[in-house]
């Protein structure tokens, strides 16, 4: 049995935390901007730190596990 929890968690967080797709921290004119499809080096750094923190929380602290199969 394969544990698909880390894979699903990583893919969903990658989609949700892509800078400029749904949210961008920090934005160009405001601290938080929504759906602007722009990015900067600082926002890439902030989003990658958030991605790492959420991955650690979901996989190590909470322990998300998804088993598929018989």
C-alpha atoms as a PDB file:
ATOM      1  CA  UNK A   1       0.000   0.000   0.000  1.00  0.00           C
ATOM      2  CA  UNK A   2       1.317   3.374  -0.977  1.00  0.00           C
ATOM      3  CA  UNK A   3       0.811   6.457   1.170  1.00  0.00           C
ATOM      4  CA  UNK A   4      -0.518   9.203  -1.117  1.00  0.00           C
ATOM      5  CA  UNK A   5      -1.008  11.792   1.650  1.00  0.00           C
ATOM      6  CA  UNK A   6       2.294  13.620   1.096  1.00  0.00           C
ATOM      7  CA  UNK A   7       1.726  13.710  -2.673  1.00  0.00           C
ATOM      8  CA  UNK A   8      -1.786  15.157  -2.431  1.00  0.00           C
ATOM      9  CA  UNK A   9      -0.729  17.625   0.246  1.00  0.00           C
ATOM     10  CA  UNK A  10       2.266  18.823  -1.779  1.00  0.00           C
ATOM     11  CA  UNK A  11       0.245  19.260  -4.986  1.00  0.00           C
ATOM     12  CA  UNK A  12      -2.629  21.115  -3.314  1.00  0.00           C
ATOM     13  CA  UNK A  13      -0.296  23.443  -1.393  1.00  0.00           C
ATOM     14  CA  UNK A  14       1.744  24.093  -4.538  1.00  0.00           C
ATOM     15  CA  UNK A  15      -1.392  25.130  -6.425  1.00  0.00           C
ATOM     16  CA  UNK A  16      -2.780  27.240  -3.584  1.00  0.00           C
ATOM     17  CA  UNK A  17       0.531  28.928  -2.720  1.00  0.00           C
ATOM     18  CA  UNK A  18       1.745  29.757  -6.225  1.00  0.00           C
ATOM     19  CA  UNK A  19       2.604  33.475  -6.049  1.00  0.00           C
ATOM     20  CA  UNK A  20       0.114  35.588  -7.977  1.00  0.00           C
ATOM     21  CA  UNK A  21      -2.320  32.793  -8.791  1.00  0.00           C
ATOM     22  CA  UNK A  22      -4.774  33.139  -5.903  1.00  0.00           C
ATOM     23  CA  UNK A  23      -2.899  35.372  -3.486  1.00  0.00           C
ATOM     24  CA  UNK A  24       0.387  37.275  -3.428  1.00  0.00           C
ATOM     25  CA  UNK A  25       2.186  38.288  -0.236  1.00  0.00           C
ATOM     26  CA  UNK A  26       3.632  40.997  -0.447  1.00  0.00           C
ATOM     27  CA  UNK A  27       1.854  42.557  -3.396  1.00  0.00           C
ATOM     28  CA  UNK A  28       3.034  45.398  -5.595  1.00  0.00           C
ATOM     29  CA  UNK A  29       0.883  48.161  -4.114  1.00  0.00           C
ATOM     30  CA  UNK A  30      -0.638  46.489  -1.015  1.00  0.00           C
ATOM     31  CA  UNK A  31       0.551  43.915   1.491  1.00  0.00           C
ATOM     32  CA  UNK A  32      -1.816  41.242   0.146  1.00  0.00           C
ATOM     33  CA  UNK A  33      -3.166  41.144  -3.412  1.00  0.00           C
ATOM     34  CA  UNK A  34      -5.559  38.621  -4.904  1.00  0.00           C
ATOM     35  CA  UNK A  35      -5.397  37.104  -8.431  1.00  0.00           C
ATOM     36  CA  UNK A  36      -3.025  39.606 -10.015  1.00  0.00           C
ATOM     37  CA  UNK A  37      -0.858  37.049 -11.950  1.00  0.00           C
ATOM     38  CA  UNK A  38       2.327  38.987 -11.140  1.00  0.00           C
ATOM     39  CA  UNK A  39       5.200  37.939  -8.923  1.00  0.00           C
ATOM     40  CA  UNK A  40       8.461  39.210  -7.496  1.00  0.00           C
ATOM     41  CA  UNK A  41      11.500  37.723  -5.841  1.00  0.00           C
ATOM     42  CA  UNK A  42      10.301  38.668  -2.370  1.00  0.00           C
ATOM     43  CA  UNK A  43       6.891  37.070  -2.904  1.00  0.00           C
ATOM     44  CA  UNK A  44       8.543  33.876  -4.195  1.00  0.00           C
ATOM     45  CA  UNK A  45      10.643  33.751  -1.032  1.00  0.00           C
ATOM     46  CA  UNK A  46       7.633  34.360   1.240  1.00  0.00           C
ATOM     47  CA  UNK A  47       5.503  31.757  -0.538  1.00  0.00           C
ATOM     48  CA  UNK A  48       8.286  29.145  -0.464  1.00  0.00           C
ATOM     49  CA  UNK A  49       8.767  29.657   3.298  1.00  0.00           C
ATOM     50  CA  UNK A  50       4.989  29.320   3.791  1.00  0.00           C
ATOM     51  CA  UNK A  51       4.976  26.172   1.614  1.00  0.00           C
ATOM     52  CA  UNK A  52       7.766  24.597   3.685  1.00  0.00           C
ATOM     53  CA  UNK A  53       6.047  25.520   6.964  1.00  0.00           C
ATOM     54  CA  UNK A  54       2.672  24.116   5.899  1.00  0.00           C
ATOM     55  CA  UNK A  55       4.273  20.925   4.555  1.00  0.00           C
ATOM     56  CA  UNK A  56       6.027  20.395   7.892  1.00  0.00           C
ATOM     57  CA  UNK A  57       2.814  21.019   9.809  1.00  0.00           C
ATOM     58  CA  UNK A  58       0.649  18.738   7.664  1.00  0.00           C
ATOM     59  CA  UNK A  59       3.127  15.888   7.258  1.00  0.00           C
ATOM     60  CA  UNK A  60       5.096  15.873  10.498  1.00  0.00           C
ATOM     61  CA  UNK A  61       2.814  17.381  13.140  1.00  0.00           C
ATOM     62  CA  UNK A  62      -0.611  16.270  11.913  1.00  0.00           C
ATOM     63  CA  UNK A  63       0.485  13.224   9.919  1.00  0.00           C
ATOM     64  CA  UNK A  64      -1.742  13.260   6.839  1.00  0.00           C
ATOM     65  CA  UNK A  65      -2.069   9.775   5.336  1.00  0.00           C
ATOM     66  CA  UNK A  66      -4.143   8.649   2.340  1.00  0.00           C
ATOM     67  CA  UNK A  67      -4.098   4.985   1.340  1.00  0.00           C
ATOM     68  CA  UNK A  68      -5.558   3.948  -2.007  1.00  0.00           C
ATOM     69  CA  UNK A  69      -6.019   0.361  -3.045  1.00  0.00           C
ATOM     70  CA  UNK A  70      -7.349  -2.883  -1.762  1.00  0.00           C
END
